Amino acid sequence: MGYLPNPVAQAAKESTSARCIREKILAFCKEPRSMQEILEMLRLKDRKWVRKHYILPLLESHLELTIPCICQAVNEAA
């Protein structure tokens, strides 16, 4: 019989990993950063995925846009 991962343990692992990445982003964004800078710091390339899974949730609680009236400004985190 093969190993079946425990769904609760898997969810906790993913949650811990995501939390760790969000903490890195928050620490990195103590000063305004562009989305490109955040992607480079995380060594990731998928802008839409990072925005959906990390930036947007952080914008709801911890981050704010540096130029809120221009959603796709060069110097923004999202």
C-alpha atoms as a PDB file:
ATOM      1  CA  MET A   1       0.000   0.000   0.000  1.00  0.00           C
ATOM      2  CA  GLY A   2       1.323   3.429  -0.931  1.00  0.00           C
ATOM      3  CA  TYR A   3       1.679   6.422   1.331  1.00  0.00           C
ATOM      4  CA  LEU A   4      -1.311   8.743   1.367  1.00  0.00           C
ATOM      5  CA  PRO A   5      -0.531  12.211   2.678  1.00  0.00           C
ATOM      6  CA  ASN A   6      -2.596  13.451   5.573  1.00  0.00           C
ATOM      7  CA  PRO A   7      -4.737  16.304   4.134  1.00  0.00           C
ATOM      8  CA  VAL A   8      -4.668  18.210   7.435  1.00  0.00           C
ATOM      9  CA  ALA A   9      -0.885  17.962   7.680  1.00  0.00           C
ATOM     10  CA  GLN A  10      -0.540  18.958   4.017  1.00  0.00           C
ATOM     11  CA  ALA A  11      -2.782  22.007   4.532  1.00  0.00           C
ATOM     12  CA  ALA A  12      -0.786  23.006   7.621  1.00  0.00           C
ATOM     13  CA  LYS A  13       2.487  22.677   5.686  1.00  0.00           C
ATOM     14  CA  GLU A  14       1.154  24.806   2.822  1.00  0.00           C
ATOM     15  CA  SER A  15      -0.208  27.348   5.290  1.00  0.00           C
ATOM     16  CA  THR A  16       3.156  27.568   7.075  1.00  0.00           C
ATOM     17  CA  SER A  17       4.970  27.985   3.772  1.00  0.00           C
ATOM     18  CA  ALA A  18       2.559  30.684   2.579  1.00  0.00           C
ATOM     19  CA  ARG A  19       2.818  32.454   5.939  1.00  0.00           C
ATOM     20  CA  CYS A  20       6.602  32.417   5.689  1.00  0.00           C
ATOM     21  CA  ILE A  21       6.486  33.928   2.194  1.00  0.00           C
ATOM     22  CA  ARG A  22       4.012  36.611   3.298  1.00  0.00           C
ATOM     23  CA  GLU A  23       6.333  37.492   6.201  1.00  0.00           C
ATOM     24  CA  LYS A  24       9.260  37.810   3.755  1.00  0.00           C
ATOM     25  CA  ILE A  25       7.198  40.104   1.548  1.00  0.00           C
ATOM     26  CA  LEU A  26       6.162  42.281   4.502  1.00  0.00           C
ATOM     27  CA  ALA A  27       9.753  42.606   5.709  1.00  0.00           C
ATOM     28  CA  PHE A  28      10.958  43.382   2.178  1.00  0.00           C
ATOM     29  CA  CYS A  29       8.239  46.005   1.684  1.00  0.00           C
ATOM     30  CA  LYS A  30       9.168  48.163   4.661  1.00  0.00           C
ATOM     31  CA  GLU A  31       9.985  50.648   1.911  1.00  0.00           C
ATOM     32  CA  PRO A  32       7.989  50.847  -1.335  1.00  0.00           C
ATOM     33  CA  ARG A  33       8.866  48.069  -3.784  1.00  0.00           C
ATOM     34  CA  SER A  34       7.766  47.255  -7.295  1.00  0.00           C
ATOM     35  CA  MET A  35       6.135  43.966  -8.156  1.00  0.00           C
ATOM     36  CA  GLN A  36       9.242  43.088 -10.174  1.00  0.00           C
ATOM     37  CA  GLU A  37      11.448  43.614  -7.117  1.00  0.00           C
ATOM     38  CA  ILE A  38       9.183  41.359  -5.052  1.00  0.00           C
ATOM     39  CA  LEU A  39       9.263  38.655  -7.737  1.00  0.00           C
ATOM     40  CA  GLU A  40      13.061  38.827  -7.894  1.00  0.00           C
ATOM     41  CA  MET A  41      13.383  38.650  -4.112  1.00  0.00           C
ATOM     42  CA  LEU A  42      11.142  35.552  -4.042  1.00  0.00           C
ATOM     43  CA  ARG A  43      12.897  34.125  -7.136  1.00  0.00           C
ATOM     44  CA  LEU A  44       9.514  33.610  -8.775  1.00  0.00           C
ATOM     45  CA  LYS A  45       8.334  34.550 -12.264  1.00  0.00           C
ATOM     46  CA  ASP A  46       4.557  34.161 -12.303  1.00  0.00           C
ATOM     47  CA  ARG A  47       3.372  37.696 -11.549  1.00  0.00           C
ATOM     48  CA  LYS A  48      -0.344  36.820 -11.606  1.00  0.00           C
ATOM     49  CA  TRP A  49       0.066  33.872  -9.237  1.00  0.00           C
ATOM     50  CA  VAL A  50       2.130  35.864  -6.727  1.00  0.00           C
ATOM     51  CA  ARG A  51      -0.354  38.729  -6.906  1.00  0.00           C
ATOM     52  CA  LYS A  52      -3.348  36.433  -6.335  1.00  0.00           C
ATOM     53  CA  HIS A  53      -1.857  34.282  -3.565  1.00  0.00           C
ATOM     54  CA  TYR A  54       0.319  36.754  -1.675  1.00  0.00           C
ATOM     55  CA  ILE A  55      -0.056  40.415  -2.630  1.00  0.00           C
ATOM     56  CA  LEU A  56      -3.851  40.733  -2.719  1.00  0.00           C
ATOM     57  CA  PRO A  57      -4.340  39.050   0.685  1.00  0.00           C
ATOM     58  CA  LEU A  58      -1.645  41.319   2.142  1.00  0.00           C
ATOM     59  CA  LEU A  59      -3.310  44.394   0.635  1.00  0.00           C
ATOM     60  CA  GLU A  60      -6.445  43.514   2.592  1.00  0.00           C
ATOM     61  CA  SER A  61      -4.633  43.552   5.923  1.00  0.00           C
ATOM     62  CA  HIS A  62      -0.990  44.676   5.977  1.00  0.00           C
ATOM     63  CA  LEU A  63       0.161  46.428   2.810  1.00  0.00           C
ATOM     64  CA  GLU A  64      -1.062  49.502   1.024  1.00  0.00           C
ATOM     65  CA  LEU A  65      -0.430  50.663  -2.484  1.00  0.00           C
ATOM     66  CA  THR A  66       2.108  53.460  -2.710  1.00  0.00           C
ATOM     67  CA  ILE A  67       0.216  55.046  -5.614  1.00  0.00           C
ATOM     68  CA  PRO A  68      -3.403  53.984  -4.935  1.00  0.00           C
ATOM     69  CA  CYS A  69      -5.042  55.879  -7.816  1.00  0.00           C
ATOM     70  CA  ILE A  70      -2.911  54.166 -10.486  1.00  0.00           C
ATOM     71  CA  CYS A  71      -3.375  50.416 -10.002  1.00  0.00           C
ATOM     72  CA  GLN A  72      -0.553  49.257 -12.284  1.00  0.00           C
ATOM     73  CA  ALA A  73       2.066  51.888 -11.436  1.00  0.00           C
ATOM     74  CA  VAL A  74       5.700  50.854 -11.793  1.00  0.00           C
ATOM     75  CA  ASN A  75       6.599  51.420  -8.122  1.00  0.00           C
ATOM     76  CA  GLU A  76       3.739  49.472  -6.581  1.00  0.00           C
ATOM     77  CA  ALA A  77       3.673  46.099  -4.880  1.00  0.00           C
ATOM     78  CA  ALA A  78       0.678  44.957  -6.898  1.00  0.00           C
END
